[in-house]
């Protein structure tokens, strides 16, 4: 195998994205819809994408906040436990 074949196998995702974009552009240019209908469809699709992304990001933010809060509580509990053990060792209890 030559180097070009190996390099092409390592980049399937970018090639897929470029192909998908080219197909989308071709579909838009060859569609029997009017320009106004195409623009409206693009605008609606972009709006759905934006809203879906916002919802997913909001969900991820909530999950991250929850995990951080749990980690803080666990850390605080552990530090309190260690402090209590150290005091007990010092006082011989």
N, C-alpha and C. Protein backbone atom coordinates (compact mmCIF):
# COMPACT_ATOMS: atom_id res chain seq x y z
N UNK A 1 0.84 -1.19 0.00
CA UNK A 1 0.00 0.00 0.00
C UNK A 1 0.87 1.24 0.00
N UNK A 2 0.44 2.26 -0.70
CA UNK A 2 1.21 3.48 -0.68
C UNK A 2 0.70 4.42 0.42
N UNK A 3 1.42 5.50 0.66
CA UNK A 3 1.09 6.43 1.74
C UNK A 3 -0.26 7.10 1.53
N UNK A 4 -0.65 7.37 0.29
CA UNK A 4 -1.93 8.02 0.04
C UNK A 4 -3.10 7.15 0.47
N UNK A 5 -3.03 5.86 0.21
CA UNK A 5 -4.10 4.94 0.60
C UNK A 5 -4.23 4.90 2.12
N UNK A 6 -3.12 4.84 2.81
CA UNK A 6 -3.13 4.80 4.28
C UNK A 6 -3.71 6.10 4.82
N UNK A 7 -3.28 7.24 4.31
CA UNK A 7 -3.78 8.52 4.79
C UNK A 7 -5.26 8.68 4.53
N UNK A 8 -5.76 8.20 3.40
CA UNK A 8 -7.18 8.31 3.10
C UNK A 8 -8.03 7.47 4.05
N UNK A 9 -7.52 6.35 4.51
CA UNK A 9 -8.27 5.50 5.44
C UNK A 9 -8.37 6.13 6.82
N UNK A 10 -7.51 7.01 7.15
CA UNK A 10 -7.50 7.62 8.48
C UNK A 10 -8.48 8.79 8.59
N UNK A 11 -9.06 9.23 7.50
CA UNK A 11 -9.90 10.42 7.52
C UNK A 11 -11.29 10.17 6.94
N UNK A 12 -12.00 9.13 7.40
CA UNK A 12 -13.32 8.86 6.81
C UNK A 12 -14.39 9.87 7.23
N UNK A 13 -14.31 10.40 8.44
CA UNK A 13 -15.35 11.32 8.92
C UNK A 13 -15.31 12.64 8.14
N UNK A 14 -14.15 13.31 8.01
CA UNK A 14 -14.15 14.54 7.21
C UNK A 14 -14.61 14.30 5.77
N UNK A 15 -14.24 13.18 5.20
CA UNK A 15 -14.67 12.88 3.83
C UNK A 15 -16.19 12.71 3.79
N UNK A 16 -16.75 12.06 4.79
CA UNK A 16 -18.20 11.88 4.85
C UNK A 16 -18.90 13.23 4.98
N UNK A 17 -18.38 14.11 5.83
CA UNK A 17 -18.98 15.43 6.03
C UNK A 17 -18.94 16.24 4.74
N UNK A 18 -17.80 16.23 4.06
CA UNK A 18 -17.68 16.97 2.79
C UNK A 18 -18.66 16.40 1.77
N UNK A 19 -18.78 15.09 1.71
CA UNK A 19 -19.72 14.47 0.78
C UNK A 19 -21.17 14.83 1.10
N UNK A 20 -21.50 14.84 2.40
CA UNK A 20 -22.85 15.20 2.82
C UNK A 20 -23.16 16.65 2.46
N UNK A 21 -22.20 17.53 2.68
CA UNK A 21 -22.40 18.94 2.33
C UNK A 21 -22.56 19.11 0.83
N UNK A 22 -21.76 18.41 0.05
CA UNK A 22 -21.87 18.50 -1.41
C UNK A 22 -23.23 18.00 -1.87
N UNK A 23 -23.71 16.92 -1.27
CA UNK A 23 -25.03 16.39 -1.60
C UNK A 23 -26.13 17.36 -1.24
N UNK A 24 -25.98 18.02 -0.10
CA UNK A 24 -26.98 19.00 0.32
C UNK A 24 -27.02 20.18 -0.64
N UNK A 25 -25.86 20.68 -1.01
CA UNK A 25 -25.79 21.80 -1.95
C UNK A 25 -26.41 21.39 -3.29
N UNK A 26 -26.09 20.22 -3.76
CA UNK A 26 -26.65 19.75 -5.04
C UNK A 26 -28.17 19.64 -4.94
N UNK A 27 -28.66 19.12 -3.83
CA UNK A 27 -30.12 18.99 -3.66
C UNK A 27 -30.79 20.35 -3.64
N UNK A 28 -30.17 21.31 -2.99
CA UNK A 28 -30.75 22.65 -2.94
C UNK A 28 -30.77 23.30 -4.32
N UNK A 29 -29.72 23.09 -5.08
CA UNK A 29 -29.64 23.71 -6.40
C UNK A 29 -30.56 23.04 -7.42
N UNK A 30 -30.83 21.76 -7.24
CA UNK A 30 -31.62 21.02 -8.21
C UNK A 30 -33.08 20.85 -7.80
N UNK A 31 -33.47 21.39 -6.68
CA UNK A 31 -34.84 21.23 -6.20
C UNK A 31 -35.83 22.05 -7.04
N UNK A 32 -37.04 21.54 -7.21
CA UNK A 32 -38.02 22.29 -7.98
C UNK A 32 -38.71 23.39 -7.17
N UNK A 33 -38.30 23.61 -5.94
CA UNK A 33 -38.91 24.64 -5.10
C UNK A 33 -38.42 26.02 -5.51
N UNK A 34 -39.21 27.02 -5.14
CA UNK A 34 -38.80 28.41 -5.39
C UNK A 34 -37.72 28.79 -4.38
N UNK A 35 -37.03 29.85 -4.67
CA UNK A 35 -35.99 30.34 -3.76
C UNK A 35 -36.54 30.66 -2.39
N UNK A 36 -37.74 31.23 -2.35
CA UNK A 36 -38.36 31.59 -1.07
C UNK A 36 -38.66 30.33 -0.25
N UNK A 37 -39.15 29.28 -0.91
CA UNK A 37 -39.44 28.02 -0.22
C UNK A 37 -38.17 27.38 0.32
N UNK A 38 -37.11 27.43 -0.47
CA UNK A 38 -35.83 26.87 -0.03
C UNK A 38 -35.31 27.63 1.17
N UNK A 39 -35.34 28.96 1.11
CA UNK A 39 -34.86 29.79 2.24
C UNK A 39 -35.68 29.53 3.50
N UNK A 40 -37.00 29.39 3.33
CA UNK A 40 -37.86 29.11 4.48
C UNK A 40 -37.51 27.75 5.09
N UNK A 41 -37.29 26.77 4.24
CA UNK A 41 -36.91 25.44 4.73
C UNK A 41 -35.58 25.46 5.46
N UNK A 42 -34.63 26.19 4.92
CA UNK A 42 -33.32 26.30 5.58
C UNK A 42 -33.48 27.01 6.92
N UNK A 43 -34.24 28.08 6.95
CA UNK A 43 -34.46 28.83 8.18
C UNK A 43 -35.13 27.95 9.24
N UNK A 44 -36.14 27.19 8.83
CA UNK A 44 -36.83 26.31 9.78
C UNK A 44 -35.90 25.21 10.29
N UNK A 45 -35.13 24.62 9.40
CA UNK A 45 -34.17 23.59 9.80
C UNK A 45 -33.12 24.13 10.75
N UNK A 46 -32.63 25.32 10.46
CA UNK A 46 -31.63 25.94 11.34
C UNK A 46 -32.23 26.23 12.71
N UNK A 47 -33.47 26.66 12.73
CA UNK A 47 -34.14 26.93 14.01
C UNK A 47 -34.30 25.66 14.83
N UNK A 48 -34.70 24.57 14.18
CA UNK A 48 -34.83 23.29 14.89
C UNK A 48 -33.47 22.82 15.42
N UNK A 49 -32.44 22.98 14.60
CA UNK A 49 -31.09 22.60 15.03
C UNK A 49 -30.65 23.43 16.22
N UNK A 50 -30.91 24.72 16.16
CA UNK A 50 -30.54 25.62 17.25
C UNK A 50 -31.25 25.24 18.55
N UNK A 51 -32.56 25.00 18.46
CA UNK A 51 -33.33 24.64 19.65
C UNK A 51 -32.90 23.29 20.21
N UNK A 52 -32.67 22.33 19.34
CA UNK A 52 -32.22 21.03 19.79
C UNK A 52 -30.86 21.11 20.48
N UNK A 53 -29.97 21.91 19.90
CA UNK A 53 -28.65 22.09 20.49
C UNK A 53 -28.76 22.76 21.85
N UNK A 54 -29.60 23.78 21.93
CA UNK A 54 -29.79 24.50 23.20
C UNK A 54 -30.31 23.54 24.27
N UNK A 55 -31.27 22.69 23.90
CA UNK A 55 -31.82 21.72 24.87
C UNK A 55 -30.75 20.74 25.33
N UNK A 56 -29.96 20.24 24.40
CA UNK A 56 -28.91 19.28 24.77
C UNK A 56 -27.85 19.92 25.65
N UNK A 57 -27.45 21.14 25.30
CA UNK A 57 -26.45 21.85 26.11
C UNK A 57 -26.99 22.10 27.50
N UNK A 58 -28.27 22.48 27.59
CA UNK A 58 -28.88 22.69 28.90
C UNK A 58 -28.88 21.42 29.73
N UNK A 59 -29.17 20.29 29.09
CA UNK A 59 -29.14 19.01 29.80
C UNK A 59 -27.75 18.65 30.28
N UNK A 60 -26.76 18.90 29.45
CA UNK A 60 -25.38 18.61 29.84
C UNK A 60 -24.95 19.53 30.98
N UNK A 61 -25.34 20.80 30.91
CA UNK A 61 -25.00 21.74 31.99
C UNK A 61 -25.58 21.26 33.32
N UNK A 62 -26.84 20.84 33.28
CA UNK A 62 -27.48 20.34 34.50
C UNK A 62 -26.77 19.12 35.05
N UNK A 63 -26.40 18.21 34.17
CA UNK A 63 -25.70 17.00 34.60
C UNK A 63 -24.34 17.33 35.20
N UNK A 64 -23.63 18.25 34.57
CA UNK A 64 -22.30 18.64 35.08
C UNK A 64 -22.44 19.31 36.44
N UNK A 65 -23.42 20.20 36.59
CA UNK A 65 -23.62 20.86 37.87
C UNK A 65 -23.93 19.85 38.97
N UNK A 66 -24.73 18.85 38.64
CA UNK A 66 -25.07 17.82 39.61
C UNK A 66 -23.83 17.02 40.03
N UNK A 67 -23.02 16.64 39.06
CA UNK A 67 -21.82 15.87 39.37
C UNK A 67 -20.84 16.70 40.20
N UNK A 68 -20.68 17.96 39.85
CA UNK A 68 -19.78 18.84 40.60
C UNK A 68 -20.28 19.00 42.03
N UNK A 69 -21.57 19.18 42.19
CA UNK A 69 -22.14 19.33 43.53
C UNK A 69 -21.91 18.06 44.37
N UNK A 70 -22.15 16.90 43.77
CA UNK A 70 -21.91 15.64 44.47
C UNK A 70 -20.44 15.48 44.84
N UNK A 71 -19.55 15.86 43.95
CA UNK A 71 -18.11 15.75 44.22
C UNK A 71 -17.71 16.68 45.36
N UNK A 72 -18.27 17.88 45.36
CA UNK A 72 -17.96 18.82 46.46
C UNK A 72 -18.41 18.26 47.80
N UNK A 73 -19.61 17.71 47.83
CA UNK A 73 -20.12 17.14 49.08
C UNK A 73 -19.26 15.95 49.52
N UNK A 74 -18.90 15.11 48.59
CA UNK A 74 -18.07 13.95 48.92
C UNK A 74 -16.70 14.41 49.45
N UNK A 75 -16.13 15.42 48.81
CA UNK A 75 -14.83 15.95 49.25
C UNK A 75 -14.96 16.54 50.65
N UNK A 76 -16.00 17.33 50.85
CA UNK A 76 -16.21 17.96 52.16
C UNK A 76 -16.40 16.90 53.24
N UNK A 77 -17.20 15.88 52.94
CA UNK A 77 -17.41 14.81 53.91
C UNK A 77 -16.10 14.09 54.23
N UNK A 78 -15.32 13.81 53.21
CA UNK A 78 -14.04 13.10 53.41
C UNK A 78 -13.08 13.95 54.23
N UNK A 79 -13.01 15.24 53.96
CA UNK A 79 -12.11 16.12 54.72
C UNK A 79 -12.56 16.20 56.18
N UNK A 80 -13.86 16.23 56.39
CA UNK A 80 -14.39 16.24 57.77
C UNK A 80 -14.05 14.95 58.49
N UNK A 81 -14.18 13.83 57.79
CA UNK A 81 -13.85 12.54 58.39
C UNK A 81 -12.37 12.46 58.75
N UNK A 82 -11.53 12.92 57.84
CA UNK A 82 -10.08 12.88 58.11
C UNK A 82 -9.71 13.79 59.27
N UNK A 83 -10.33 14.96 59.33
CA UNK A 83 -10.05 15.88 60.45
C UNK A 83 -10.43 15.24 61.77
N UNK A 84 -11.59 14.59 61.79
CA UNK A 84 -12.05 13.92 63.01
C UNK A 84 -11.07 12.82 63.41
N UNK A 85 -10.58 12.04 62.44
CA UNK A 85 -9.63 10.97 62.74
C UNK A 85 -8.31 11.54 63.26
N UNK A 86 -7.85 12.65 62.68
CA UNK A 86 -6.60 13.25 63.13
C UNK A 86 -6.72 13.78 64.56
N UNK A 87 -7.85 14.40 64.85
CA UNK A 87 -8.06 14.91 66.20
C UNK A 87 -8.10 13.74 67.19
N UNK A 88 -8.77 12.67 66.80
CA UNK A 88 -8.87 11.50 67.67
C UNK A 88 -7.50 10.91 67.94
N UNK A 89 -6.63 10.87 66.90
CA UNK A 89 -5.27 10.33 67.10
C UNK A 89 -4.46 11.20 68.03
N UNK A 90 -4.60 12.51 67.88
CA UNK A 90 -3.82 13.44 68.71
C UNK A 90 -4.22 13.39 70.17
N UNK A 91 -5.52 13.22 70.37
CA UNK A 91 -5.99 13.21 71.77
C UNK A 91 -5.96 11.82 72.36
N UNK A 92 -5.66 10.83 71.56
CA UNK A 92 -5.59 9.46 72.06
C UNK A 92 -6.93 8.82 72.27
N UNK A 93 -7.96 9.36 71.66
CA UNK A 93 -9.31 8.81 71.86
C UNK A 93 -9.57 7.62 70.97
